Amino acid sequence: MTHTNCTQVTEFSLAGFTEDPVTQVNLFLLFLLTYLVTILGNLGIIILIRASPHLHSPMYYFLGNLAFVDLCSSTIVTPKMLVDLMSEKNNIAYAGCLAQVFLFDFFGMTECFLLASMAYDRYVAICHPLLHPTVMSPKCCFQLVTGSYLVGLTNGVGQTISMSTLSFCSSSTIDLFYCDISPLISLSTSNTTLSHIILTTAASLFGVSSILVILLSYVAIIVTILSINSAEGKHKAFSTCTSHLTTVSVFYGASFFMYLLPSSDSSRGADKWAVVLYTVVTPMLNPLIYSLRNKEVKEALRSLLKIK
């Protein structure tokens, strides 16, 4: 559809959660606490991994990068949301919205492939333990992490190009608390064919492939664990996967509720809380999962505290 009298918007308005002042203050305090826990938890994991020789292994190398990505993902969304909760006008400049789309999709896809790399590491460690030091060499780990960031960068650039081709004439209100490509496509008054192609291609090529790596890795892991004769051996093998498996379940579970469940006018409130789970809560949970469920992390923390 062609708009001859279209004036391109210079800023967007973010709908946020509510206009009730009391609820806004309560949400501000809740999200501020969540963000502080996210910062402390993820920075703590990064520092602990760097300071503890016992954690200088492939799994924790990936975990350190995952903590960095979670820290960045949360920082892209939460500070702006906190400011908006205390402001009368919840506006974001077009350039700021473009940057938010790029960074969010960059780090979001990077996390998908970091989780896939961690699943592959668990597969090699459990199914081929003698080959693990050779296969998961420092060079291989570096290449997997670099590849994850490159895939994320490709996705971020693609979604940014997608947004730059869209026109916004009749409305500039995004029914969300940050800029995401899906609501922007719905809001656009121009032809969205290219944007849909880029979004579908990225989801199919990148998203599905990372999920397949995780699924195939865990199918092989389960088969190997079931073939172990002793119950103690099975428990020991499975215990090395529980933290990662929990993290994967939380991340992809939140993604499912955010992107795949059908949306309607009556469910918009629930949709926003699903987005909160994905963008705000999940980055906070990952360091907690690895701190509470991982013996090596607990022992490294105790050793570090004793030294100090």
C-alpha atoms as a PDB file:
ATOM      1  CA  MET A   1       0.000   0.000   0.000  1.00  0.00           C
ATOM      2  CA  THR A   2       1.402   3.390  -1.002  1.00  0.00           C
ATOM      3  CA  HIS A   3       1.089   6.396   1.275  1.00  0.00           C
ATOM      4  CA  THR A   4       1.687   9.588  -0.739  1.00  0.00           C
ATOM      5  CA  ASN A   5       1.145  11.872   2.283  1.00  0.00           C
ATOM      6  CA  CYS A   6       3.059   9.731   4.762  1.00  0.00           C
ATOM      7  CA  THR A   7       5.192  11.482   7.341  1.00  0.00           C
ATOM      8  CA  GLN A   8       7.683   9.034   8.791  1.00  0.00           C
ATOM      9  CA  VAL A   9       7.595   8.962  12.595  1.00  0.00           C
ATOM     10  CA  THR A  10      10.640  10.212  14.516  1.00  0.00           C
ATOM     11  CA  GLU A  11       9.723   8.453  17.761  1.00  0.00           C
ATOM     12  CA  PHE A  12       7.491   5.697  19.101  1.00  0.00           C
ATOM     13  CA  SER A  13       5.316   5.567  22.184  1.00  0.00           C
ATOM     14  CA  LEU A  14       5.618   2.478  24.381  1.00  0.00           C
ATOM     15  CA  ALA A  15       2.318   1.316  25.927  1.00  0.00           C
ATOM     16  CA  GLY A  16       3.924  -0.079  29.084  1.00  0.00           C
ATOM     17  CA  PHE A  17       1.893  -1.929  31.713  1.00  0.00           C
ATOM     18  CA  THR A  18      -0.545   0.362  33.473  1.00  0.00           C
ATOM     19  CA  GLU A  19      -1.436   4.015  34.099  1.00  0.00           C
ATOM     20  CA  ASP A  20      -2.166   3.491  37.798  1.00  0.00           C
ATOM     21  CA  PRO A  21       0.541   5.364  39.800  1.00  0.00           C
ATOM     22  CA  VAL A  22       0.551   2.942  42.746  1.00  0.00           C
ATOM     23  CA  THR A  23       0.938  -0.080  40.464  1.00  0.00           C
ATOM     24  CA  GLN A  24       3.703   1.712  38.553  1.00  0.00           C
ATOM     25  CA  VAL A  25       5.682   2.294  41.760  1.00  0.00           C
ATOM     26  CA  ASN A  26       5.241  -1.339  42.816  1.00  0.00           C
ATOM     27  CA  LEU A  27       6.356  -2.570  39.397  1.00  0.00           C
ATOM     28  CA  PHE A  28       9.320  -0.184  39.455  1.00  0.00           C
ATOM     29  CA  LEU A  29      10.521  -1.584  42.780  1.00  0.00           C
ATOM     30  CA  LEU A  30       9.947  -5.187  41.654  1.00  0.00           C
ATOM     31  CA  PHE A  31      11.804  -4.772  38.350  1.00  0.00           C
ATOM     32  CA  LEU A  32      14.583  -2.741  39.986  1.00  0.00           C
ATOM     33  CA  LEU A  33      15.188  -5.547  42.479  1.00  0.00           C
ATOM     34  CA  THR A  34      15.120  -8.107  39.662  1.00  0.00           C
ATOM     35  CA  TYR A  35      17.616  -6.082  37.618  1.00  0.00           C
ATOM     36  CA  LEU A  36      19.983  -5.669  40.568  1.00  0.00           C
ATOM     37  CA  VAL A  37      19.900  -9.436  41.212  1.00  0.00           C
ATOM     38  CA  THR A  38      20.532  -9.986  37.484  1.00  0.00           C
ATOM     39  CA  ILE A  39      23.585  -7.705  37.491  1.00  0.00           C
ATOM     40  CA  LEU A  40      25.050  -9.120  40.702  1.00  0.00           C
ATOM     41  CA  GLY A  41      24.319 -12.739  39.745  1.00  0.00           C
ATOM     42  CA  ASN A  42      25.761 -12.619  36.234  1.00  0.00           C
ATOM     43  CA  LEU A  43      28.765 -10.475  37.170  1.00  0.00           C
ATOM     44  CA  GLY A  44      29.356 -12.836  40.085  1.00  0.00           C
ATOM     45  CA  ILE A  45      29.365 -15.860  37.775  1.00  0.00           C
ATOM     46  CA  ILE A  46      31.792 -14.162  35.355  1.00  0.00           C
ATOM     47  CA  ILE A  47      34.187 -13.130  38.146  1.00  0.00           C
ATOM     48  CA  LEU A  48      33.969 -16.542  39.848  1.00  0.00           C
ATOM     49  CA  ILE A  49      34.782 -18.407  36.632  1.00  0.00           C
ATOM     50  CA  ARG A  50      37.771 -16.157  35.906  1.00  0.00           C
ATOM     51  CA  ALA A  51      39.090 -16.333  39.485  1.00  0.00           C
ATOM     52  CA  SER A  52      38.656 -20.097  40.042  1.00  0.00           C
ATOM     53  CA  PRO A  53      41.071 -22.477  38.242  1.00  0.00           C
ATOM     54  CA  HIS A  54      38.646 -25.354  38.940  1.00  0.00           C
ATOM     55  CA  LEU A  55      36.120 -23.697  36.628  1.00  0.00           C
ATOM     56  CA  HIS A  56      38.494 -23.274  33.683  1.00  0.00           C
ATOM     57  CA  SER A  57      36.740 -25.911  31.586  1.00  0.00           C
ATOM     58  CA  PRO A  58      34.638 -25.772  28.386  1.00  0.00           C
ATOM     59  CA  MET A  59      31.287 -25.836  30.214  1.00  0.00           C
ATOM     60  CA  TYR A  60      32.168 -22.834  32.375  1.00  0.00           C
ATOM     61  CA  TYR A  61      33.788 -21.001  29.467  1.00  0.00           C
ATOM     62  CA  PHE A  62      30.387 -21.180  27.743  1.00  0.00           C
ATOM     63  CA  LEU A  63      28.623 -20.285  31.003  1.00  0.00           C
ATOM     64  CA  GLY A  64      30.732 -17.150  31.398  1.00  0.00           C
ATOM     65  CA  ASN A  65      29.718 -16.007  27.923  1.00  0.00           C
ATOM     66  CA  LEU A  66      26.088 -16.899  28.665  1.00  0.00           C
ATOM     67  CA  ALA A  67      26.213 -14.726  31.796  1.00  0.00           C
ATOM     68  CA  PHE A  68      27.643 -11.837  29.737  1.00  0.00           C
ATOM     69  CA  VAL A  69      24.877 -12.202  27.128  1.00  0.00           C
ATOM     70  CA  ASP A  70      22.189 -12.333  29.841  1.00  0.00           C
ATOM     71  CA  LEU A  71      23.636  -9.205  31.443  1.00  0.00           C
ATOM     72  CA  CYS A  72      23.549  -7.361  28.105  1.00  0.00           C
ATOM     73  CA  SER A  73      20.071  -8.625  27.164  1.00  0.00           C
ATOM     74  CA  SER A  74      18.617  -7.410  30.449  1.00  0.00           C
ATOM     75  CA  THR A  75      20.390  -4.039  30.196  1.00  0.00           C
ATOM     76  CA  ILE A  76      18.945  -3.438  26.722  1.00  0.00           C
ATOM     77  CA  VAL A  77      15.376  -3.578  28.075  1.00  0.00           C
ATOM     78  CA  THR A  78      15.140  -3.087  31.836  1.00  0.00           C
ATOM     79  CA  PRO A  79      16.720   0.369  32.478  1.00  0.00           C
ATOM     80  CA  LYS A  80      14.500   1.994  29.840  1.00  0.00           C
ATOM     81  CA  MET A  81      11.464   0.206  31.284  1.00  0.00           C
ATOM     82  CA  LEU A  82      12.323   1.480  34.788  1.00  0.00           C
ATOM     83  CA  VAL A  83      12.606   5.066  33.515  1.00  0.00           C
ATOM     84  CA  ASP A  84       9.267   4.771  31.692  1.00  0.00           C
ATOM     85  CA  LEU A  85       7.511   3.497  34.823  1.00  0.00           C
ATOM     86  CA  MET A  86       8.453   6.756  36.564  1.00  0.00           C
ATOM     87  CA  SER A  87       7.750   9.026  33.558  1.00  0.00           C
ATOM     88  CA  GLU A  88       4.566  10.504  32.163  1.00  0.00           C
ATOM     89  CA  LYS A  89       5.599   9.994  28.533  1.00  0.00           C
ATOM     90  CA  ASN A  90       7.001   6.633  27.477  1.00  0.00           C
ATOM     91  CA  ASN A  91       8.641   7.626  24.205  1.00  0.00           C
ATOM     92  CA  ILE A  92      11.644   6.198  22.378  1.00  0.00           C
ATOM     93  CA  ALA A  93      13.347   7.804  19.387  1.00  0.00           C
ATOM     94  CA  TYR A  94      13.296   5.972  16.045  1.00  0.00           C
ATOM     95  CA  ALA A  95      17.098   5.540  16.201  1.00  0.00           C
ATOM     96  CA  GLY A  96      16.825   4.229  19.772  1.00  0.00           C
ATOM     97  CA  CYS A  97      14.150   1.766  18.719  1.00  0.00           C
ATOM     98  CA  LEU A  98      16.326   0.622  15.808  1.00  0.00           C
ATOM     99  CA  ALA A  99      19.269   0.094  18.179  1.00  0.00           C
ATOM    100  CA  GLN A 100      17.092  -1.829  20.639  1.00  0.00           C
ATOM    101  CA  VAL A 101      15.850  -4.156  17.874  1.00  0.00           C
ATOM    102  CA  PHE A 102      19.422  -4.806  16.715  1.00  0.00           C
ATOM    103  CA  LEU A 103      20.892  -5.468  20.166  1.00  0.00           C
ATOM    104  CA  PHE A 104      17.967  -7.535  21.454  1.00  0.00           C
ATOM    105  CA  ASP A 105      17.952  -9.825  18.407  1.00  0.00           C
ATOM    106  CA  PHE A 106      21.751  -9.983  18.392  1.00  0.00           C
ATOM    107  CA  PHE A 107      22.057 -11.183  21.982  1.00  0.00           C
ATOM    108  CA  GLY A 108      18.872 -13.280  21.832  1.00  0.00           C
ATOM    109  CA  MET A 109      20.137 -15.411  18.951  1.00  0.00           C
ATOM    110  CA  THR A 110      23.644 -15.538  20.440  1.00  0.00           C
ATOM    111  CA  GLU A 111      22.141 -17.089  23.576  1.00  0.00           C
ATOM    112  CA  CYS A 112      20.364 -19.750  21.477  1.00  0.00           C
ATOM    113  CA  PHE A 113      23.665 -20.894  19.980  1.00  0.00           C
ATOM    114  CA  LEU A 114      25.573 -20.675  23.264  1.00  0.00           C
ATOM    115  CA  LEU A 115      22.991 -23.026  24.784  1.00  0.00           C
ATOM    116  CA  ALA A 116      23.415 -25.313  21.758  1.00  0.00           C
ATOM    117  CA  SER A 117      27.216 -25.248  22.219  1.00  0.00           C
ATOM    118  CA  MET A 118      26.779 -26.153  25.893  1.00  0.00           C
ATOM    119  CA  ALA A 119      24.503 -29.056  24.918  1.00  0.00           C
ATOM    120  CA  TYR A 120      27.136 -30.301  22.449  1.00  0.00           C
ATOM    121  CA  ASP A 121      29.787 -30.059  25.182  1.00  0.00           C
ATOM    122  CA  ARG A 122      27.616 -32.184  27.513  1.00  0.00           C
ATOM    123  CA  TYR A 123      27.083 -34.696  24.686  1.00  0.00           C
ATOM    124  CA  VAL A 124      30.825 -35.121  24.106  1.00  0.00           C
ATOM    125  CA  ALA A 125      31.570 -35.249  27.854  1.00  0.00           C
ATOM    126  CA  ILE A 126      29.012 -38.002  28.555  1.00  0.00           C
ATOM    127  CA  CYS A 127      28.895 -39.988  25.319  1.00  0.00           C
ATOM    128  CA  HIS A 128      32.612 -39.741  24.406  1.00  0.00           C
ATOM    129  CA  PRO A 129      34.434 -38.869  27.659  1.00  0.00           C
ATOM    130  CA  LEU A 130      37.879 -39.992  26.446  1.00  0.00           C
ATOM    131  CA  LEU A 131      37.639 -37.682  23.421  1.00  0.00           C
ATOM    132  CA  HIS A 132      36.285 -34.708  25.370  1.00  0.00           C
ATOM    133  CA  PRO A 133      39.649 -32.991  26.085  1.00  0.00           C
ATOM    134  CA  THR A 134      40.612 -33.308  22.410  1.00  0.00           C
ATOM    135  CA  VAL A 135      37.275 -32.431  20.800  1.00  0.00           C
ATOM    136  CA  MET A 136      36.431 -29.573  23.173  1.00  0.00           C
ATOM    137  CA  SER A 137      39.866 -27.965  22.968  1.00  0.00           C
ATOM    138  CA  PRO A 138      40.316 -24.262  23.791  1.00  0.00           C
ATOM    139  CA  LYS A 139      40.455 -23.539  20.053  1.00  0.00           C
ATOM    140  CA  CYS A 140      37.174 -25.394  19.421  1.00  0.00           C
ATOM    141  CA  CYS A 141      35.460 -23.631  22.332  1.00  0.00           C
ATOM    142  CA  PHE A 142      36.640 -20.252  21.055  1.00  0.00           C
ATOM    143  CA  GLN A 143      35.340 -21.070  17.578  1.00  0.00           C
ATOM    144  CA  LEU A 144      31.936 -22.157  18.938  1.00  0.00           C
ATOM    145  CA  VAL A 145      31.574 -18.983  21.011  1.00  0.00           C
ATOM    146  CA  THR A 146      32.748 -16.760  18.147  1.00  0.00           C
ATOM    147  CA  GLY A 147      30.343 -18.532  15.803  1.00  0.00           C
ATOM    148  CA  SER A 148      27.503 -17.930  18.262  1.00  0.00           C
ATOM    149  CA  TYR A 149      28.212 -14.194  18.307  1.00  0.00           C
ATOM    150  CA  LEU A 150      28.519 -14.096  14.500  1.00  0.00           C
ATOM    151  CA  VAL A 151      25.158 -15.819  14.065  1.00  0.00           C
ATOM    152  CA  GLY A 152      23.673 -13.381  16.564  1.00  0.00           C
ATOM    153  CA  LEU A 153      25.224 -10.469  14.669  1.00  0.00           C
ATOM    154  CA  THR A 154      23.768 -11.758  11.397  1.00  0.00           C
ATOM    155  CA  ASN A 155      20.326 -12.015  12.981  1.00  0.00           C
ATOM    156  CA  GLY A 156      20.596  -8.539  14.524  1.00  0.00           C
ATOM    157  CA  VAL A 157      21.642  -6.954  11.230  1.00  0.00           C
ATOM    158  CA  GLY A 158      18.862  -8.802   9.379  1.00  0.00           C
ATOM    159  CA  GLN A 159      16.138  -7.638  11.762  1.00  0.00           C
ATOM    160  CA  THR A 160      17.521  -4.073  11.693  1.00  0.00           C
ATOM    161  CA  ILE A 161      17.376  -4.064   7.884  1.00  0.00           C
ATOM    162  CA  SER A 162      13.848  -5.429   8.189  1.00  0.00           C
ATOM    163  CA  MET A 163      12.791  -2.520  10.422  1.00  0.00           C
ATOM    164  CA  SER A 164      14.525   0.093   8.243  1.00  0.00           C
ATOM    165  CA  THR A 165      12.356  -0.908   5.268  1.00  0.00           C
ATOM    166  CA  LEU A 166       9.111  -0.293   7.182  1.00  0.00           C
ATOM    167  CA  SER A 167       7.056   2.913   7.180  1.00  0.00           C
ATOM    168  CA  PHE A 168       4.985   4.060  10.149  1.00  0.00           C
ATOM    169  CA  CYS A 169       2.381   6.665   9.263  1.00  0.00           C
ATOM    170  CA  SER A 170      -0.970   6.228  11.005  1.00  0.00           C
ATOM    171  CA  SER A 171       0.190   4.999  14.407  1.00  0.00           C
ATOM    172  CA  SER A 172       3.379   5.062  16.465  1.00  0.00           C
ATOM    173  CA  THR A 173       2.220   3.327  19.657  1.00  0.00           C
ATOM    174  CA  ILE A 174       3.893  -0.032  20.363  1.00  0.00           C
ATOM    175  CA  ASP A 175       1.775  -2.191  22.651  1.00  0.00           C
ATOM    176  CA  LEU A 176       4.843  -3.325  24.586  1.00  0.00           C
ATOM    177  CA  PHE A 177       7.479  -1.885  26.932  1.00  0.00           C
ATOM    178  CA  TYR A 178      10.364  -2.125  24.429  1.00  0.00           C
ATOM    179  CA  CYS A 179      10.927  -2.277  20.662  1.00  0.00           C
ATOM    180  CA  ASP A 180      10.559  -5.731  19.139  1.00  0.00           C
ATOM    181  CA  ILE A 181      10.398  -6.512  15.435  1.00  0.00           C
ATOM    182  CA  SER A 182       7.107  -8.473  15.552  1.00  0.00           C
ATOM    183  CA  PRO A 183       4.880  -5.636  16.900  1.00  0.00           C
ATOM    184  CA  LEU A 184       6.710  -3.191  14.625  1.00  0.00           C
ATOM    185  CA  ILE A 185       5.791  -5.270  11.588  1.00  0.00           C
ATOM    186  CA  SER A 186       2.155  -5.290  12.754  1.00  0.00           C
ATOM    187  CA  LEU A 187       2.304  -1.518  13.270  1.00  0.00           C
ATOM    188  CA  SER A 188       3.786  -0.749   9.866  1.00  0.00           C
ATOM    189  CA  THR A 189       1.690   0.880   7.141  1.00  0.00           C
ATOM    190  CA  SER A 190       3.991  -0.263   4.324  1.00  0.00           C
ATOM    191  CA  ASN A 191       4.534  -3.561   2.556  1.00  0.00           C
ATOM    192  CA  THR A 192       5.859  -6.030   5.133  1.00  0.00           C
ATOM    193  CA  THR A 193       6.690  -8.923   2.797  1.00  0.00           C
ATOM    194  CA  LEU A 194      10.485  -8.532   3.100  1.00  0.00           C
ATOM    195  CA  SER A 195      10.246  -8.187   6.880  1.00  0.00           C
ATOM    196  CA  HIS A 196       8.189 -11.366   7.168  1.00  0.00           C
ATOM    197  CA  ILE A 197      10.665 -13.218   4.924  1.00  0.00           C
ATOM    198  CA  ILE A 198      13.639 -12.107   7.052  1.00  0.00           C
ATOM    199  CA  LEU A 199      11.837 -12.951  10.300  1.00  0.00           C
ATOM    200  CA  THR A 200      10.704 -16.393   9.073  1.00  0.00           C
ATOM    201  CA  THR A 201      14.108 -17.221   7.559  1.00  0.00           C
ATOM    202  CA  ALA A 202      15.945 -16.270  10.769  1.00  0.00           C
ATOM    203  CA  ALA A 203      13.548 -18.298  12.915  1.00  0.00           C
ATOM    204  CA  SER A 204      13.726 -21.324  10.610  1.00  0.00           C
ATOM    205  CA  LEU A 205      17.433 -21.265   9.793  1.00  0.00           C
ATOM    206  CA  PHE A 206      18.900 -20.148  13.120  1.00  0.00           C
ATOM    207  CA  GLY A 207      16.272 -20.852  15.771  1.00  0.00           C
ATOM    208  CA  VAL A 208      15.297 -24.333  14.591  1.00  0.00           C
ATOM    209  CA  SER A 209      18.911 -25.418  13.972  1.00  0.00           C
ATOM    210  CA  SER A 210      19.978 -24.479  17.520  1.00  0.00           C
ATOM    211  CA  ILE A 211      16.982 -26.332  18.977  1.00  0.00           C
ATOM    212  CA  LEU A 212      17.813 -29.409  16.873  1.00  0.00           C
ATOM    213  CA  VAL A 213      21.400 -29.461  18.180  1.00  0.00           C
ATOM    214  CA  ILE A 214      20.090 -29.362  21.753  1.00  0.00           C
ATOM    215  CA  LEU A 215      17.448 -32.044  21.151  1.00  0.00           C
ATOM    216  CA  LEU A 216      19.796 -34.422  19.319  1.00  0.00           C
ATOM    217  CA  SER A 217      22.492 -33.935  21.951  1.00  0.00           C
ATOM    218  CA  TYR A 218      20.117 -34.810  24.773  1.00  0.00           C
ATOM    219  CA  VAL A 219      18.633 -37.785  22.931  1.00  0.00           C
ATOM    220  CA  ALA A 220      22.169 -39.207  22.649  1.00  0.00           C
ATOM    221  CA  ILE A 221      22.886 -38.294  26.288  1.00  0.00           C
ATOM    222  CA  ILE A 222      19.718 -40.032  27.543  1.00  0.00           C
ATOM    223  CA  VAL A 223      20.501 -43.165  25.515  1.00  0.00           C
ATOM    224  CA  THR A 224      24.040 -43.247  26.954  1.00  0.00           C
ATOM    225  CA  ILE A 225      22.854 -42.669  30.536  1.00  0.00           C
ATOM    226  CA  LEU A 226      20.263 -45.452  30.236  1.00  0.00           C
ATOM    227  CA  SER A 227      22.998 -47.849  29.121  1.00  0.00           C
ATOM    228  CA  ILE A 228      24.974 -47.246  32.321  1.00  0.00           C
ATOM    229  CA  ASN A 229      24.502 -50.187  34.686  1.00  0.00           C
ATOM    230  CA  SER A 230      24.903 -48.606  38.122  1.00  0.00           C
ATOM    231  CA  ALA A 231      22.331 -46.186  39.550  1.00  0.00           C
ATOM    232  CA  GLU A 232      25.158 -44.089  40.981  1.00  0.00           C
ATOM    233  CA  GLY A 233      26.758 -43.792  37.542  1.00  0.00           C
ATOM    234  CA  LYS A 234      23.468 -42.734  35.995  1.00  0.00           C
ATOM    235  CA  HIS A 235      22.899 -40.107  38.693  1.00  0.00           C
ATOM    236  CA  LYS A 236      26.442 -38.752  38.364  1.00  0.00           C
ATOM    237  CA  ALA A 237      26.170 -38.477  34.567  1.00  0.00           C
ATOM    238  CA  PHE A 238      22.746 -36.830  34.655  1.00  0.00           C
ATOM    239  CA  SER A 239      23.733 -34.415  37.450  1.00  0.00           C
ATOM    240  CA  THR A 240      26.254 -32.769  35.110  1.00  0.00           C
ATOM    241  CA  CYS A 241      23.369 -31.833  32.773  1.00  0.00           C
ATOM    242  CA  THR A 242      20.657 -30.679  35.176  1.00  0.00           C
ATOM    243  CA  SER A 243      21.719 -27.017  35.387  1.00  0.00           C
ATOM    244  CA  HIS A 244      21.999 -26.666  31.616  1.00  0.00           C
ATOM    245  CA  LEU A 245      18.765 -28.558  31.029  1.00  0.00           C
ATOM    246  CA  THR A 246      16.953 -26.295  33.507  1.00  0.00           C
ATOM    247  CA  THR A 247      18.372 -23.188  31.802  1.00  0.00           C
ATOM    248  CA  VAL A 248      17.304 -24.459  28.359  1.00  0.00           C
ATOM    249  CA  SER A 249      13.797 -25.244  29.646  1.00  0.00           C
ATOM    250  CA  VAL A 250      13.382 -21.769  31.168  1.00  0.00           C
ATOM    251  CA  PHE A 251      14.766 -19.966  28.089  1.00  0.00           C
ATOM    252  CA  TYR A 252      12.816 -21.855  25.432  1.00  0.00           C
ATOM    253  CA  GLY A 253       9.713 -22.110  27.619  1.00  0.00           C
ATOM    254  CA  ALA A 254       9.658 -18.317  27.926  1.00  0.00           C
ATOM    255  CA  SER A 255      10.342 -17.996  24.179  1.00  0.00           C
ATOM    256  CA  PHE A 256       7.407 -20.292  23.432  1.00  0.00           C
ATOM    257  CA  PHE A 257       4.986 -18.206  25.491  1.00  0.00           C
ATOM    258  CA  MET A 258       6.360 -14.986  24.001  1.00  0.00           C
ATOM    259  CA  TYR A 259       6.442 -15.819  20.287  1.00  0.00           C
ATOM    260  CA  LEU A 260       4.412 -18.936  19.540  1.00  0.00           C
ATOM    261  CA  LEU A 261       1.193 -18.672  21.548  1.00  0.00           C
ATOM    262  CA  PRO A 262      -1.630 -16.911  19.645  1.00  0.00           C
ATOM    263  CA  SER A 263      -2.275 -13.361  20.787  1.00  0.00           C
ATOM    264  CA  SER A 264      -5.662 -11.679  21.167  1.00  0.00           C
ATOM    265  CA  ASP A 265      -7.067  -8.472  22.614  1.00  0.00           C
ATOM    266  CA  SER A 266      -8.249 -10.302  25.726  1.00  0.00           C
ATOM    267  CA  SER A 267      -4.825 -11.861  26.346  1.00  0.00           C
ATOM    268  CA  ARG A 268      -2.615  -8.778  25.880  1.00  0.00           C
ATOM    269  CA  GLY A 269      -1.991  -8.474  29.619  1.00  0.00           C
ATOM    270  CA  ALA A 270      -0.875 -12.101  29.817  1.00  0.00           C
ATOM    271  CA  ASP A 271       1.243 -11.602  26.684  1.00  0.00           C
ATOM    272  CA  LYS A 272       3.154  -8.762  28.345  1.00  0.00           C
ATOM    273  CA  TRP A 273       3.892 -10.877  31.410  1.00  0.00           C
ATOM    274  CA  ALA A 274       5.162 -13.630  29.121  1.00  0.00           C
ATOM    275  CA  VAL A 275       7.520 -11.038  27.609  1.00  0.00           C
ATOM    276  CA  VAL A 276       8.610 -10.017  31.132  1.00  0.00           C
ATOM    277  CA  LEU A 277       9.444 -13.660  31.836  1.00  0.00           C
ATOM    278  CA  TYR A 278      11.606 -13.811  28.705  1.00  0.00           C
ATOM    279  CA  THR A 279      13.326 -10.406  28.898  1.00  0.00           C
ATOM    280  CA  VAL A 280      13.576  -9.675  32.633  1.00  0.00           C
ATOM    281  CA  VAL A 281      13.197 -12.857  34.682  1.00  0.00           C
ATOM    282  CA  THR A 282      15.156 -15.392  32.599  1.00  0.00           C
ATOM    283  CA  PRO A 283      18.477 -13.442  32.696  1.00  0.00           C
ATOM    284  CA  MET A 284      18.114 -13.314  36.493  1.00  0.00           C
ATOM    285  CA  LEU A 285      17.394 -17.043  36.862  1.00  0.00           C
ATOM    286  CA  ASN A 286      20.363 -18.456  34.926  1.00  0.00           C
ATOM    287  CA  PRO A 287      23.092 -17.569  37.487  1.00  0.00           C
ATOM    288  CA  LEU A 288      20.799 -18.676  40.309  1.00  0.00           C
ATOM    289  CA  ILE A 289      20.231 -22.044  38.608  1.00  0.00           C
ATOM    290  CA  TYR A 290      23.973 -22.652  38.238  1.00  0.00           C
ATOM    291  CA  SER A 291      24.718 -21.385  41.767  1.00  0.00           C
ATOM    292  CA  LEU A 292      22.063 -23.457  43.542  1.00  0.00           C
ATOM    293  CA  ARG A 293      22.235 -26.669  41.511  1.00  0.00           C
ATOM    294  CA  ASN A 294      25.936 -26.957  40.669  1.00  0.00           C
ATOM    295  CA  LYS A 295      28.364 -28.433  43.211  1.00  0.00           C
ATOM    296  CA  GLU A 296      31.465 -27.206  41.377  1.00  0.00           C
ATOM    297  CA  VAL A 297      30.225 -23.596  41.429  1.00  0.00           C
ATOM    298  CA  LYS A 298      29.375 -23.879  45.132  1.00  0.00           C
ATOM    299  CA  GLU A 299      32.815 -25.335  45.955  1.00  0.00           C
ATOM    300  CA  ALA A 300      34.585 -22.669  43.869  1.00  0.00           C
ATOM    301  CA  LEU A 301      32.652 -19.944  45.697  1.00  0.00           C
ATOM    302  CA  ARG A 302      33.540 -21.427  49.097  1.00  0.00           C
ATOM    303  CA  SER A 303      37.226 -21.672  48.120  1.00  0.00           C
ATOM    304  CA  LEU A 304      37.262 -18.095  46.871  1.00  0.00           C
ATOM    305  CA  LEU A 305      35.634 -16.814  50.066  1.00  0.00           C
ATOM    306  CA  LYS A 306      38.105 -18.756  52.239  1.00  0.00           C
ATOM    307  CA  ILE A 307      41.069 -17.313  50.363  1.00  0.00           C
ATOM    308  CA  LYS A 308      39.755 -13.807  50.888  1.00  0.00           C
END
